[in-house]
N, C-alpha and C. Protein backbone atom coordinates (compact mmCIF):
# COMPACT_ATOMS: atom_id res chain seq x y z
N MET A 1 0.84 -1.17 0.00
CA MET A 1 0.00 0.00 0.00
C MET A 1 0.89 1.25 0.00
N VAL A 2 0.53 2.22 -0.76
CA VAL A 2 1.28 3.47 -0.88
C VAL A 2 0.60 4.54 -0.03
N HIS A 3 1.41 5.32 0.68
CA HIS A 3 0.88 6.39 1.53
C HIS A 3 1.47 7.72 1.11
N PRO A 4 0.70 8.79 1.20
CA PRO A 4 1.24 10.11 0.86
C PRO A 4 2.25 10.56 1.91
N LEU A 5 3.21 11.37 1.47
CA LEU A 5 4.26 11.86 2.35
C LEU A 5 4.58 13.30 1.96
N THR A 6 4.74 14.15 2.93
CA THR A 6 5.07 15.54 2.66
C THR A 6 6.58 15.73 2.79
N VAL A 7 7.17 16.42 1.83
CA VAL A 7 8.60 16.70 1.84
C VAL A 7 8.78 18.20 1.68
N ARG A 8 9.67 18.77 2.48
CA ARG A 8 9.96 20.20 2.38
C ARG A 8 11.29 20.39 1.66
N LEU A 9 11.27 21.17 0.58
CA LEU A 9 12.48 21.46 -0.19
C LEU A 9 12.60 22.96 -0.38
N ASN A 10 13.84 23.42 -0.57
CA ASN A 10 14.01 24.84 -0.87
C ASN A 10 13.64 25.09 -2.33
N GLU A 11 13.48 26.35 -2.66
CA GLU A 11 13.01 26.72 -4.01
C GLU A 11 13.97 26.27 -5.11
N THR A 12 15.26 26.32 -4.83
CA THR A 12 16.25 25.90 -5.83
C THR A 12 16.10 24.43 -6.17
N ASP A 13 15.97 23.60 -5.14
CA ASP A 13 15.81 22.16 -5.38
C ASP A 13 14.48 21.85 -6.08
N ILE A 14 13.44 22.55 -5.71
CA ILE A 14 12.14 22.35 -6.38
C ILE A 14 12.24 22.72 -7.85
N SER A 15 12.91 23.82 -8.13
CA SER A 15 13.08 24.25 -9.51
C SER A 15 13.86 23.22 -10.32
N LYS A 16 14.93 22.70 -9.74
CA LYS A 16 15.72 21.67 -10.43
C LYS A 16 14.91 20.39 -10.62
N LEU A 17 14.16 20.03 -9.60
CA LEU A 17 13.31 18.84 -9.70
C LEU A 17 12.28 19.01 -10.80
N ASP A 18 11.68 20.18 -10.88
CA ASP A 18 10.70 20.45 -11.93
C ASP A 18 11.35 20.40 -13.32
N GLU A 19 12.57 20.89 -13.42
CA GLU A 19 13.29 20.85 -14.70
C GLU A 19 13.56 19.41 -15.11
N ILE A 20 13.97 18.59 -14.16
CA ILE A 20 14.21 17.17 -14.44
C ILE A 20 12.91 16.49 -14.85
N ALA A 21 11.84 16.77 -14.13
CA ALA A 21 10.55 16.16 -14.43
C ALA A 21 10.09 16.52 -15.84
N LYS A 22 10.25 17.78 -16.20
CA LYS A 22 9.84 18.22 -17.53
C LYS A 22 10.71 17.57 -18.61
N ALA A 23 12.01 17.51 -18.38
CA ALA A 23 12.93 16.95 -19.38
C ALA A 23 12.70 15.46 -19.59
N THR A 24 12.23 14.77 -18.57
CA THR A 24 12.03 13.32 -18.67
C THR A 24 10.58 12.93 -18.89
N ASP A 25 9.72 13.93 -18.93
CA ASP A 25 8.29 13.70 -19.10
C ASP A 25 7.75 12.76 -18.01
N ARG A 26 8.21 13.00 -16.80
CA ARG A 26 7.76 12.25 -15.62
C ARG A 26 7.23 13.25 -14.60
N LYS A 27 6.42 12.77 -13.70
CA LYS A 27 5.90 13.63 -12.65
C LYS A 27 6.97 13.87 -11.58
N ARG A 28 6.83 15.00 -10.93
CA ARG A 28 7.73 15.34 -9.83
C ARG A 28 7.72 14.23 -8.78
N SER A 29 6.55 13.72 -8.46
CA SER A 29 6.43 12.68 -7.43
C SER A 29 7.17 11.40 -7.82
N TRP A 30 7.21 11.09 -9.12
CA TRP A 30 7.93 9.89 -9.57
C TRP A 30 9.41 10.03 -9.24
N HIS A 31 9.98 11.19 -9.54
CA HIS A 31 11.40 11.42 -9.27
C HIS A 31 11.68 11.44 -7.77
N MET A 32 10.78 12.00 -7.00
CA MET A 32 10.96 12.02 -5.55
C MET A 32 10.94 10.60 -5.00
N THR A 33 10.04 9.77 -5.50
CA THR A 33 9.97 8.38 -5.07
C THR A 33 11.26 7.64 -5.42
N GLN A 34 11.75 7.84 -6.65
CA GLN A 34 13.00 7.19 -7.06
C GLN A 34 14.16 7.61 -6.16
N ALA A 35 14.25 8.90 -5.87
CA ALA A 35 15.34 9.41 -5.04
C ALA A 35 15.27 8.85 -3.62
N ILE A 36 14.09 8.83 -3.06
CA ILE A 36 13.93 8.32 -1.70
C ILE A 36 14.21 6.82 -1.64
N GLN A 37 13.75 6.07 -2.64
CA GLN A 37 14.02 4.63 -2.65
C GLN A 37 15.51 4.34 -2.78
N ALA A 38 16.22 5.11 -3.61
CA ALA A 38 17.67 4.93 -3.75
C ALA A 38 18.38 5.24 -2.44
N TYR A 39 17.96 6.31 -1.78
CA TYR A 39 18.55 6.68 -0.49
C TYR A 39 18.31 5.59 0.55
N ILE A 40 17.09 5.09 0.62
CA ILE A 40 16.77 4.04 1.59
C ILE A 40 17.61 2.80 1.31
N LYS A 41 17.73 2.42 0.06
CA LYS A 41 18.53 1.23 -0.29
C LYS A 41 19.97 1.40 0.16
N ASP A 42 20.58 2.55 -0.15
CA ASP A 42 21.98 2.80 0.22
C ASP A 42 22.16 2.83 1.73
N GLU A 43 21.30 3.55 2.42
CA GLU A 43 21.43 3.67 3.87
C GLU A 43 21.17 2.33 4.57
N TYR A 44 20.21 1.56 4.06
CA TYR A 44 19.91 0.27 4.67
C TYR A 44 21.06 -0.71 4.45
N THR A 45 21.67 -0.66 3.27
CA THR A 45 22.84 -1.50 3.00
C THR A 45 23.97 -1.16 3.97
N PHE A 46 24.20 0.15 4.19
CA PHE A 46 25.22 0.58 5.14
C PHE A 46 24.88 0.10 6.55
N LEU A 47 23.62 0.27 6.95
CA LEU A 47 23.18 -0.16 8.28
C LEU A 47 23.39 -1.66 8.48
N GLU A 48 23.06 -2.45 7.47
CA GLU A 48 23.27 -3.90 7.57
C GLU A 48 24.75 -4.22 7.72
N GLY A 49 25.62 -3.50 7.01
CA GLY A 49 27.06 -3.71 7.13
C GLY A 49 27.56 -3.38 8.53
N VAL A 50 27.06 -2.30 9.09
CA VAL A 50 27.44 -1.93 10.46
C VAL A 50 26.99 -3.02 11.43
N ARG A 51 25.78 -3.49 11.26
CA ARG A 51 25.27 -4.56 12.14
C ARG A 51 26.11 -5.82 12.02
N ARG A 52 26.50 -6.19 10.79
CA ARG A 52 27.36 -7.37 10.61
C ARG A 52 28.70 -7.16 11.29
N GLY A 53 29.25 -5.95 11.17
CA GLY A 53 30.52 -5.65 11.82
C GLY A 53 30.44 -5.73 13.33
N ILE A 54 29.37 -5.20 13.89
CA ILE A 54 29.18 -5.27 15.34
C ILE A 54 29.02 -6.72 15.78
N ASP A 55 28.25 -7.50 15.03
CA ASP A 55 28.09 -8.92 15.36
C ASP A 55 29.43 -9.64 15.31
N ALA A 56 30.24 -9.35 14.28
CA ALA A 56 31.56 -9.98 14.16
C ALA A 56 32.44 -9.58 15.34
N ALA A 57 32.42 -8.32 15.71
CA ALA A 57 33.22 -7.86 16.85
C ALA A 57 32.76 -8.53 18.14
N ASP A 58 31.45 -8.67 18.30
CA ASP A 58 30.92 -9.34 19.49
C ASP A 58 31.37 -10.79 19.56
N ARG A 59 31.56 -11.43 18.41
CA ARG A 59 32.04 -12.82 18.36
C ARG A 59 33.55 -12.90 18.52
N GLY A 60 34.22 -11.75 18.49
CA GLY A 60 35.68 -11.73 18.58
C GLY A 60 36.34 -11.90 17.23
N ASP A 61 35.57 -11.82 16.17
CA ASP A 61 36.09 -11.98 14.81
C ASP A 61 36.62 -10.64 14.32
N VAL A 62 37.80 -10.27 14.82
CA VAL A 62 38.40 -8.98 14.49
C VAL A 62 39.86 -9.18 14.10
N VAL A 63 40.44 -8.16 13.49
CA VAL A 63 41.85 -8.18 13.10
C VAL A 63 42.53 -7.04 13.85
N SER A 64 43.67 -7.32 14.43
CA SER A 64 44.37 -6.30 15.20
C SER A 64 44.94 -5.21 14.29
N HIS A 65 45.13 -4.04 14.86
CA HIS A 65 45.71 -2.93 14.12
C HIS A 65 47.10 -3.30 13.62
N GLU A 66 47.87 -3.97 14.46
CA GLU A 66 49.22 -4.36 14.09
C GLU A 66 49.23 -5.30 12.88
N SER A 67 48.27 -6.22 12.84
CA SER A 67 48.18 -7.16 11.73
C SER A 67 47.83 -6.44 10.43
N VAL A 68 46.90 -5.52 10.49
CA VAL A 68 46.52 -4.75 9.30
C VAL A 68 47.70 -3.91 8.84
N GLU A 69 48.38 -3.28 9.77
CA GLU A 69 49.53 -2.45 9.44
C GLU A 69 50.63 -3.28 8.76
N ALA A 70 50.91 -4.46 9.29
CA ALA A 70 51.93 -5.33 8.71
C ALA A 70 51.53 -5.79 7.31
N ASP A 71 50.27 -6.15 7.12
CA ASP A 71 49.80 -6.57 5.80
C ASP A 71 49.89 -5.42 4.80
N LEU A 72 49.54 -4.23 5.23
CA LEU A 72 49.61 -3.07 4.35
C LEU A 72 51.05 -2.74 3.98
N GLU A 73 51.94 -2.78 4.94
CA GLU A 73 53.36 -2.52 4.65
C GLU A 73 53.91 -3.56 3.67
N ALA A 74 53.54 -4.82 3.84
CA ALA A 74 53.99 -5.87 2.93
C ALA A 74 53.45 -5.64 1.53
N LEU A 75 52.21 -5.26 1.42
CA LEU A 75 51.60 -5.00 0.12
C LEU A 75 52.27 -3.82 -0.56
N LEU A 76 52.51 -2.76 0.18
CA LEU A 76 53.14 -1.58 -0.41
C LEU A 76 54.58 -1.86 -0.83
N SER A 77 55.31 -2.62 -0.04
CA SER A 77 56.69 -2.93 -0.42
C SER A 77 56.73 -3.86 -1.63
N LYS A 78 55.74 -4.73 -1.74
CA LYS A 78 55.64 -5.62 -2.90
C LYS A 78 55.40 -4.82 -4.18
N GLN A 79 54.65 -3.71 -4.06
CA GLN A 79 54.33 -2.87 -5.21
C GLN A 79 55.42 -1.84 -5.47
N GLY A 80 56.43 -1.81 -4.62
CA GLY A 80 57.53 -0.87 -4.83
C GLY A 80 57.22 0.55 -4.38
N ALA A 81 56.31 0.70 -3.48
CA ALA A 81 55.94 2.05 -3.02
C ALA A 81 56.90 2.56 -1.98
């Protein structure tokens, strides 16, 4: 089910949104929905990654700073940096 939602934008953003809508022959609301869905997808993916990281840390599945530093130094020296 779809529900209406109010969004507040400044005049510049509304003008740009209207220009995009006109150029693509789509409604302003269609573009707003696309933008919000893309934002939700990206933020939710990030949130899931954070949760996985916290779960891994809680299990003790972590790498020490020293280990990462040593691996990075080895990689850089291998590449001649």
